[in-house]
Protein backbone atom coordinates (compact mmCIF):
# COMPACT_ATOMS: atom_id res chain seq x y z
CA UNK A 1 -20.98 -75.22 -34.24
CA UNK A 2 -21.90 -77.83 -31.13
CA UNK A 3 -22.63 -75.60 -28.12
CA UNK A 4 -22.69 -71.46 -28.29
CA UNK A 5 -23.13 -70.82 -25.08
CA UNK A 6 -19.99 -70.93 -22.75
CA UNK A 7 -18.89 -70.21 -18.97
CA UNK A 8 -15.55 -69.38 -18.42
CA UNK A 9 -13.95 -68.31 -15.45
CA UNK A 10 -11.11 -65.60 -15.05
CA UNK A 11 -9.40 -63.99 -11.86
CA UNK A 12 -9.45 -60.32 -11.40
CA UNK A 13 -5.81 -59.42 -13.27
CA UNK A 14 -5.30 -57.46 -16.06
CA UNK A 15 -4.22 -60.15 -18.01
CA UNK A 16 -7.17 -61.35 -18.47
CA UNK A 17 -7.76 -58.43 -20.74
CA UNK A 18 -8.05 -59.99 -24.03
CA UNK A 19 -10.95 -62.26 -22.97
CA UNK A 20 -13.06 -59.18 -20.80
CA UNK A 21 -12.24 -56.85 -23.46
CA UNK A 22 -13.60 -59.97 -26.16
CA UNK A 23 -16.49 -60.47 -24.23
CA UNK A 24 -17.55 -56.88 -23.56
CA UNK A 25 -16.74 -55.56 -26.70
CA UNK A 26 -18.84 -57.69 -28.44
CA UNK A 27 -16.18 -59.59 -30.64
CA UNK A 28 -17.22 -63.14 -28.95
CA UNK A 29 -20.73 -62.69 -30.18
CA UNK A 30 -19.53 -61.38 -33.34
CA UNK A 31 -18.54 -64.97 -33.28
CA UNK A 32 -21.86 -66.44 -32.48
CA UNK A 33 -20.54 -66.87 -28.85
CA UNK A 34 -22.68 -66.49 -25.75
CA UNK A 35 -20.22 -66.00 -23.06
CA UNK A 36 -20.72 -65.96 -18.78
CA UNK A 37 -17.76 -64.55 -17.62
CA UNK A 38 -17.28 -65.77 -13.87
CA UNK A 39 -15.22 -63.80 -11.39
CA UNK A 40 -13.16 -65.85 -9.07
CA UNK A 41 -10.72 -65.40 -6.17
CA UNK A 42 -8.80 -68.10 -6.65
CA UNK A 43 -6.96 -70.48 -8.35
CA UNK A 44 -7.80 -73.49 -6.45
CA UNK A 45 -11.42 -72.52 -7.50
CA UNK A 46 -10.67 -71.70 -10.86
CA UNK A 47 -8.86 -75.57 -11.75
CA UNK A 48 -11.39 -77.42 -10.12
CA UNK A 49 -14.27 -76.10 -11.85
CA UNK A 50 -12.64 -75.96 -15.32
CA UNK A 51 -11.67 -79.73 -14.15
CA UNK A 52 -15.25 -81.20 -13.69
CA UNK A 53 -16.95 -79.51 -16.13
CA UNK A 54 -18.42 -76.41 -14.27
CA UNK A 55 -16.27 -74.04 -17.14
CA UNK A 56 -16.09 -74.72 -20.47
CA UNK A 57 -12.51 -72.55 -20.47
CA UNK A 58 -10.63 -70.33 -17.99
CA UNK A 59 -8.13 -67.94 -17.69
CA UNK A 60 -5.64 -70.04 -16.12
CA UNK A 61 -2.04 -69.53 -14.44
CA UNK A 62 0.27 -71.44 -17.28
CA UNK A 63 1.83 -73.56 -14.90
CA UNK A 64 -1.47 -74.83 -13.16
CA UNK A 65 -2.73 -76.51 -16.75
CA UNK A 66 1.08 -78.65 -16.51
CA UNK A 67 0.13 -79.46 -13.02
CA UNK A 68 -3.22 -80.45 -14.07
CA UNK A 69 -2.23 -82.36 -17.27
CA UNK A 70 0.27 -84.05 -15.55
CA UNK A 71 -1.69 -84.85 -12.18
CA UNK A 72 0.63 -83.28 -9.81
CA UNK A 73 -1.14 -81.61 -6.98
CA UNK A 74 -4.60 -82.86 -7.80
CA UNK A 75 -6.42 -84.94 -10.07
CA UNK A 76 -5.15 -85.36 -13.67
CA UNK A 77 -7.31 -83.55 -16.48
CA UNK A 78 -5.25 -83.21 -19.67
CA UNK A 79 -5.03 -79.36 -19.97
CA UNK A 80 -5.23 -77.43 -23.49
CA UNK A 81 -3.98 -74.06 -24.03
CA UNK A 82 -4.30 -72.52 -27.87
CA UNK A 83 -3.89 -68.72 -26.65
CA UNK A 84 -1.81 -66.76 -24.14
CA UNK A 85 -3.41 -64.49 -22.26
CA UNK A 86 -0.44 -62.52 -21.51
CA UNK A 87 3.42 -62.47 -21.39
CA UNK A 88 5.27 -60.98 -18.20
CA UNK A 89 2.59 -58.79 -16.03
CA UNK A 90 4.12 -59.85 -12.82
CA UNK A 91 6.23 -57.17 -10.25
CA UNK A 92 7.78 -58.31 -7.18
CA UNK A 93 6.03 -55.44 -4.48
CA UNK A 94 8.31 -55.22 -0.71
CA UNK A 95 6.90 -53.15 2.51
CA UNK A 96 8.50 -49.96 2.61
CA UNK A 97 10.41 -51.07 5.69
CA UNK A 98 11.91 -54.26 3.70
CA UNK A 99 12.53 -51.91 0.83
CA UNK A 100 14.68 -50.09 2.94
CA UNK A 101 16.33 -52.34 4.15
CA UNK A 102 17.28 -54.24 1.22
CA UNK A 103 18.38 -50.89 -0.12
CA UNK A 104 20.34 -50.46 2.67
CA UNK A 105 22.46 -53.58 2.28
CA UNK A 106 22.75 -53.40 -1.65
CA UNK A 107 26.48 -53.00 -2.85
CA UNK A 108 25.51 -51.39 -6.26
CA UNK A 109 22.25 -49.89 -7.62
CA UNK A 110 19.20 -51.72 -6.63
CA UNK A 111 17.30 -51.80 -9.66
CA UNK A 112 19.94 -54.66 -10.61
CA UNK A 113 18.31 -58.11 -9.58
CA UNK A 114 20.98 -59.66 -8.91
CA UNK A 115 21.82 -56.24 -6.86
CA UNK A 116 18.63 -56.95 -4.81
CA UNK A 117 18.72 -60.79 -4.58
CA UNK A 118 22.17 -60.73 -2.89
CA UNK A 119 21.19 -57.66 -0.80
CA UNK A 120 17.98 -60.14 0.70
CA UNK A 121 20.76 -62.77 1.20
CA UNK A 122 22.52 -59.81 3.48
CA UNK A 123 19.05 -58.87 5.68
CA UNK A 124 17.93 -62.72 5.47
CA UNK A 125 21.50 -63.30 7.40
CA UNK A 126 20.93 -60.40 9.93
CA UNK A 127 17.76 -61.41 10.69
CA UNK A 128 18.80 -65.04 11.47
CA UNK A 129 21.77 -63.72 13.67
CA UNK A 130 19.04 -61.71 15.67
CA UNK A 131 16.89 -64.49 15.85
CA UNK A 132 13.97 -63.06 14.08
CA UNK A 133 11.22 -64.77 12.11
CA UNK A 134 12.03 -65.59 8.71
CA UNK A 135 10.90 -63.12 5.77
CA UNK A 136 7.21 -64.27 4.32
CA UNK A 137 6.30 -63.57 0.79
CA UNK A 138 3.04 -63.93 -1.04
CA UNK A 139 2.34 -65.80 -4.11
CA UNK A 140 -0.62 -67.06 -5.64
CA UNK A 141 -0.36 -71.01 -6.04
CA UNK A 142 2.26 -73.75 -5.80
CA UNK A 143 1.52 -74.30 -9.40
CA UNK A 144 2.52 -70.67 -10.34
CA UNK A 145 4.96 -68.38 -12.49
CA UNK A 146 5.12 -66.20 -9.09
CA UNK A 147 6.30 -68.93 -6.99
CA UNK A 148 9.01 -69.99 -9.37
CA UNK A 149 10.01 -66.15 -10.13
CA UNK A 150 10.43 -65.84 -6.58
CA UNK A 151 12.58 -68.51 -6.41
CA UNK A 152 14.62 -68.14 -9.05
CA UNK A 153 15.35 -64.50 -8.38
CA UNK A 154 16.04 -65.23 -4.42
CA UNK A 155 18.28 -67.95 -5.51
CA UNK A 156 20.29 -66.39 -7.66
CA UNK A 157 21.50 -64.33 -4.88
CA UNK A 158 22.31 -66.97 -2.70
CA UNK A 159 18.74 -67.40 -0.94
CA UNK A 160 17.50 -70.79 -0.37
CA UNK A 161 13.30 -70.18 -0.51
CA UNK A 162 12.49 -73.36 1.03
CA UNK A 163 14.83 -72.91 3.75
CA UNK A 164 15.73 -69.14 4.44
CA UNK A 165 12.20 -67.70 3.56
CA UNK A 166 8.78 -68.28 4.73
CA UNK A 167 6.42 -68.24 1.42
CA UNK A 168 2.64 -68.55 1.41
CA UNK A 169 0.07 -68.72 -1.16
CA UNK A 170 -2.74 -66.14 -1.09
CA UNK A 171 -5.12 -65.50 -3.53
CA UNK A 172 -4.48 -62.41 -6.02
CA UNK A 173 -6.95 -59.49 -4.58
CA UNK A 174 -5.48 -60.59 -1.10
CA UNK A 175 -2.52 -59.72 -1.38
CA UNK A 176 -2.49 -55.76 -0.57
CA UNK A 177 -4.11 -56.07 2.49
CA UNK A 178 -2.13 -58.88 3.53
CA UNK A 179 0.95 -56.73 2.85
CA UNK A 180 -0.59 -53.69 4.78
CA UNK A 181 -1.85 -56.02 7.61
CA UNK A 182 1.64 -57.33 8.07
CA UNK A 183 0.94 -60.89 7.27
CA UNK A 184 3.61 -60.90 4.45
CA UNK A 185 6.61 -58.39 3.76
CA UNK A 186 6.40 -59.00 0.20
CA UNK A 187 4.81 -60.67 -2.91
CA UNK A 188 4.90 -61.46 -6.48
CA UNK A 189 1.55 -61.12 -8.40
CA UNK A 190 0.36 -59.72 -11.25
CA UNK A 191 -1.20 -56.33 -12.33
CA UNK A 192 -2.90 -54.52 -10.75
CA UNK A 193 -2.58 -55.73 -7.19
CA UNK A 194 1.34 -54.29 -7.33
CA UNK A 195 0.33 -50.72 -8.79
CA UNK A 196 -2.76 -50.54 -5.95
CA UNK A 197 -0.43 -51.10 -2.92
CA UNK A 198 2.15 -48.63 -4.26
CA UNK A 199 -0.61 -46.29 -4.36
CA UNK A 200 -2.16 -47.05 -0.99
CA UNK A 201 1.63 -46.40 0.56
CA UNK A 202 1.72 -49.84 1.67
CA UNK A 203 4.05 -50.87 -1.00
CA UNK A 204 7.39 -50.76 -3.05
CA UNK A 205 7.60 -52.38 -6.41
CA UNK A 206 10.99 -53.93 -6.45
CA UNK A 207 11.29 -55.19 -9.99
CA UNK A 208 8.97 -55.85 -12.96
CA UNK A 209 9.38 -59.71 -13.79
CA UNK A 210 10.92 -58.64 -16.77
CA UNK A 211 13.79 -57.62 -15.21
CA UNK A 212 14.23 -61.19 -14.25
CA UNK A 213 12.92 -62.82 -16.97
CA UNK A 214 12.76 -61.12 -20.20
CA UNK A 215 9.92 -63.25 -21.53
CA UNK A 216 8.00 -65.44 -19.04
CA UNK A 217 4.50 -66.97 -20.24
CA UNK A 218 2.44 -65.88 -17.62
CA UNK A 219 -1.77 -66.78 -17.89
CA UNK A 220 -3.37 -68.95 -20.96
CA UNK A 221 -6.69 -69.61 -22.23
CA UNK A 222 -7.11 -73.25 -20.87
CA UNK A 223 -10.17 -75.34 -21.89
CA UNK A 224 -9.91 -79.74 -21.09
CA UNK A 225 -8.30 -81.32 -24.06
CA UNK A 226 -11.95 -83.59 -24.49
CA UNK A 227 -13.50 -80.37 -24.45
CA UNK A 228 -11.44 -79.16 -27.10
CA UNK A 229 -11.91 -82.23 -29.55
CA UNK A 230 -15.52 -82.14 -28.90
CA UNK A 231 -16.30 -78.82 -29.91
CA UNK A 232 -13.40 -77.47 -32.14
CA UNK A 233 -14.78 -74.61 -33.78
CA UNK A 234 -16.41 -72.97 -30.94
CA UNK A 235 -12.90 -73.59 -29.44
CA UNK A 236 -11.58 -71.75 -32.77
CA UNK A 237 -14.21 -68.95 -32.87
CA UNK A 238 -13.10 -68.48 -29.01
CA UNK A 239 -9.40 -67.98 -30.05
CA UNK A 240 -10.30 -65.92 -32.98
CA UNK A 241 -12.51 -63.33 -30.70
CA UNK A 242 -9.34 -63.04 -27.70
CA UNK A 243 -6.92 -62.54 -30.92
CA UNK A 244 -9.19 -59.42 -32.53
CA UNK A 245 -9.37 -58.30 -28.64
CA UNK A 246 -5.34 -58.39 -28.04
CA UNK A 247 -5.32 -56.67 -31.38
CA UNK A 248 -7.69 -53.98 -29.92
CA UNK A 249 -5.87 -53.38 -27.01
CA UNK A 250 -2.58 -53.27 -28.26
CA UNK A 251 -3.76 -50.07 -30.11
CA UNK A 252 -2.75 -47.14 -27.56
CA UNK A 253 -5.66 -45.02 -28.35
CA UNK A 254 -7.67 -47.67 -27.45
CA UNK A 255 -6.19 -48.33 -24.12
CA UNK A 256 -8.59 -45.98 -22.20
CA UNK A 257 -11.55 -47.73 -23.59
CA UNK A 258 -10.55 -50.80 -22.15
CA UNK A 259 -9.45 -49.51 -19.42
CA UNK A 260 -12.81 -48.49 -18.33
CA UNK A 261 -14.21 -51.46 -19.84
CA UNK A 262 -11.83 -53.56 -16.89
CA UNK A 263 -12.36 -51.35 -14.25
CA UNK A 264 -16.30 -52.16 -13.88
CA UNK A 265 -16.73 -53.79 -10.35
CA UNK A 266 -17.76 -57.30 -11.99
CA UNK A 267 -14.42 -57.67 -13.86
CA UNK A 268 -11.28 -56.02 -12.44
CA UNK A 269 -13.10 -53.76 -10.14
CA UNK A 270 -10.03 -51.06 -9.28
CA UNK A 271 -9.60 -47.62 -10.95
CA UNK A 272 -9.50 -47.10 -14.62
CA UNK A 273 -6.30 -45.21 -14.77
CA UNK A 274 -4.27 -47.98 -12.52
CA UNK A 275 -5.39 -50.20 -14.91
CA UNK A 276 -4.41 -47.96 -18.01
CA UNK A 277 -0.74 -47.36 -16.37
CA UNK A 278 -0.50 -51.35 -16.58
CA UNK A 279 -1.43 -51.34 -20.04
CA UNK A 280 0.75 -48.33 -21.03
CA UNK A 281 3.91 -49.86 -19.16
CA UNK A 282 4.22 -46.85 -16.82
CA UNK A 283 4.00 -47.89 -13.70
CA UNK A 284 4.16 -45.72 -10.03
CA UNK A 285 6.98 -47.74 -8.47
CA UNK A 286 7.35 -45.94 -4.88
CA UNK A 287 4.81 -44.54 -2.19
CA UNK A 288 7.18 -41.20 -3.06
CA UNK A 289 5.59 -40.90 -6.53
CA UNK A 290 8.64 -42.38 -8.55
CA UNK A 291 7.66 -43.87 -11.60
CA UNK A 292 8.97 -46.54 -14.34
CA UNK A 293 8.41 -47.64 -17.54
CA UNK A 294 8.72 -50.42 -19.77
CA UNK A 295 7.65 -52.04 -22.81
CA UNK A 296 8.06 -55.33 -21.63
CA UNK A 297 6.00 -54.89 -18.56
CA UNK A 298 2.68 -56.79 -20.06
CA UNK A 299 2.61 -58.17 -23.45
CA UNK A 300 -0.98 -58.88 -24.36
CA UNK A 301 -0.83 -59.50 -28.58
CA UNK A 302 2.58 -57.44 -29.90
CA UNK A 303 5.65 -59.66 -30.30
CA UNK A 304 3.82 -63.00 -30.82
CA UNK A 305 3.09 -62.62 -27.55
CA UNK A 306 -0.75 -64.07 -27.45
CA UNK A 307 0.37 -67.46 -29.45
CA UNK A 308 1.71 -70.48 -27.14
CA UNK A 309 5.31 -71.02 -26.98
CA UNK A 310 6.06 -74.49 -26.01
CA UNK A 311 9.38 -73.68 -25.12
CA UNK A 312 7.74 -71.60 -22.30
CA UNK A 313 6.24 -74.51 -20.99
CA UNK A 314 9.41 -76.67 -21.10
CA UNK A 315 10.56 -73.53 -18.64
CA UNK A 316 7.69 -74.09 -16.42
CA UNK A 317 7.85 -77.52 -16.25
CA UNK A 318 11.88 -77.12 -15.37
CA UNK A 319 10.83 -75.05 -12.49
CA UNK A 320 8.88 -77.63 -11.08
CA UNK A 321 11.90 -80.10 -11.46
CA UNK A 322 14.20 -77.59 -9.89
CA UNK A 323 12.02 -77.11 -6.52
CA UNK A 324 10.99 -81.06 -5.93
CA UNK A 325 7.71 -80.96 -7.32
CA UNK A 326 8.39 -83.34 -9.52
CA UNK A 327 10.63 -85.66 -11.20
CA UNK A 328 12.24 -85.25 -14.36
CA UNK A 329 11.08 -87.61 -17.02
CA UNK A 330 10.62 -87.35 -20.62
CA UNK A 331 7.24 -88.14 -21.15
CA UNK A 332 6.47 -85.74 -18.98
CA UNK A 333 8.19 -82.59 -20.24
CA UNK A 334 6.64 -83.60 -23.55
CA UNK A 335 3.29 -83.95 -22.08
CA UNK A 336 4.26 -80.14 -20.76
CA UNK A 337 5.07 -78.68 -24.19
CA UNK A 338 2.38 -80.28 -25.98
CA UNK A 339 -0.32 -78.51 -24.06
CA UNK A 340 0.90 -75.18 -25.26
CA UNK A 341 -1.02 -75.75 -28.28
CA UNK A 342 0.67 -72.91 -31.08
CA UNK A 343 -0.84 -75.57 -34.20
CA UNK A 344 -4.83 -74.71 -33.10
CA UNK A 345 -3.97 -71.07 -32.89
CA UNK A 346 -2.07 -70.77 -36.01
CA UNK A 347 -5.21 -72.62 -37.60
CA UNK A 348 -7.82 -70.19 -35.86
CA UNK A 349 -6.23 -67.11 -36.39
CA UNK A 350 -5.15 -67.65 -40.07
CA UNK A 351 -1.61 -66.82 -39.16
CA UNK A 352 1.37 -68.18 -40.35
CA UNK A 353 3.22 -68.95 -36.76
CA UNK A 354 6.66 -70.12 -36.80
CA UNK A 355 8.57 -71.21 -32.98
CA UNK A 356 11.01 -68.30 -31.97
CA UNK A 357 14.46 -67.94 -33.18
CA UNK A 358 15.80 -66.76 -30.06
CA UNK A 359 19.12 -68.81 -28.93
CA UNK A 360 16.95 -68.68 -25.16
CA UNK A 361 13.49 -68.57 -25.10
CA UNK A 362 13.38 -66.97 -21.73
CA UNK A 363 16.24 -64.45 -20.92
CA UNK A 364 16.74 -64.75 -17.18
CA UNK A 365 18.94 -62.36 -15.35
CA UNK A 366 21.18 -65.14 -13.83
CA UNK A 367 22.13 -68.61 -14.88
CA UNK A 368 22.99 -70.17 -18.33
CA UNK A 369 20.68 -69.48 -21.15
CA UNK A 370 17.78 -72.20 -21.15
CA UNK A 371 17.39 -75.17 -23.63
CA UNK A 372 14.33 -77.04 -24.06
CA UNK A 373 16.46 -80.23 -24.87
CA UNK A 374 18.78 -80.09 -21.95
CA UNK A 375 16.52 -79.45 -18.92
CA UNK A 376 18.99 -81.56 -16.66
CA UNK A 377 21.54 -79.82 -18.00
CA UNK A 378 20.32 -76.55 -17.41
CA UNK A 379 19.45 -77.57 -13.86
CA UNK A 380 22.60 -78.96 -12.74
CA UNK A 381 24.14 -75.82 -13.26
CA UNK A 382 22.24 -74.28 -10.29
CA UNK A 383 23.55 -74.46 -6.80
CA UNK A 384 20.46 -74.13 -4.98
CA UNK A 385 17.49 -76.30 -5.73
CA UNK A 386 15.91 -79.95 -5.44
CA UNK A 387 16.98 -81.29 -8.74
CA UNK A 388 19.94 -84.29 -8.80
CA UNK A 389 21.12 -85.61 -11.50
């Protein structure tokens, strides 16, 4: 190996679990790596420090890796994502007042995302008639799964996210205070911040993202392409350590220990019990104590979640096109899919992975099945969006 000491940035979120556990359980040290994990607040900080070389690797939101490789919204720095740190894990949390409005306007079961989205459209229309300000929704970054998941859900119900509501960027740790202070009416963010809002009585979890998309790539372990080419053995060691951590976390008997590790102030810094609820997929969704379980809430290693899936990158790129962040270009699609590197994962882990054989790798609750080979056809099916064939 050429350089065994690494600085890696992360945001305090539960989908950084594999990275944090790999370091704090000694899995990286067993691979001969000396890791300095650096806690950051915003995705812009993570992106910039990775891009300029202050970080060797990073816990990074998947669309930011794509945007960086394409030069969208910032300088162009090609990124490689050889390990998926999380599938799913986000939720849409609304204020108690907005929840009551949506529930009152719902024609059916509000746990159905189509019912809730259509109810939101009615709430939005009523507010317009009354001359009230648009509802404000928080999300973590313009190039983010949270942005695209909110938009996908809203648009399915007839809400134009660029015309009918106000979307604002907030760092994940600031979401709860913003909801409590009335600066936002709702937000989409990763665990544990949805649960923190519920426990404080200021939020109601309306949907897990797995209600909206059955399988959605969330965070990746990201490195600069140039760094990966210069340090292949170091990268392989890091992948192995993360894979070992993911396997550890997915054993239910280990989750209490994992939650204690993550709860440390320099890591995620919230109560271990809240984190364990997330890892177990048993969440309190309402201030009144109502709970919900989902085996798909956050996938860290099981069901092949750690292996990067280029089809997921294609879906994220399609959202960038749908919402006007870039034009549809075949070479850009190839770049987006090419930065998800299952080959590096397979080589490092010694596994013989294979692409998903699912006919629809995303499983969205509305719209046509997603085909990475026909993004234009897919986007044409949606009435709301910026894409024009």
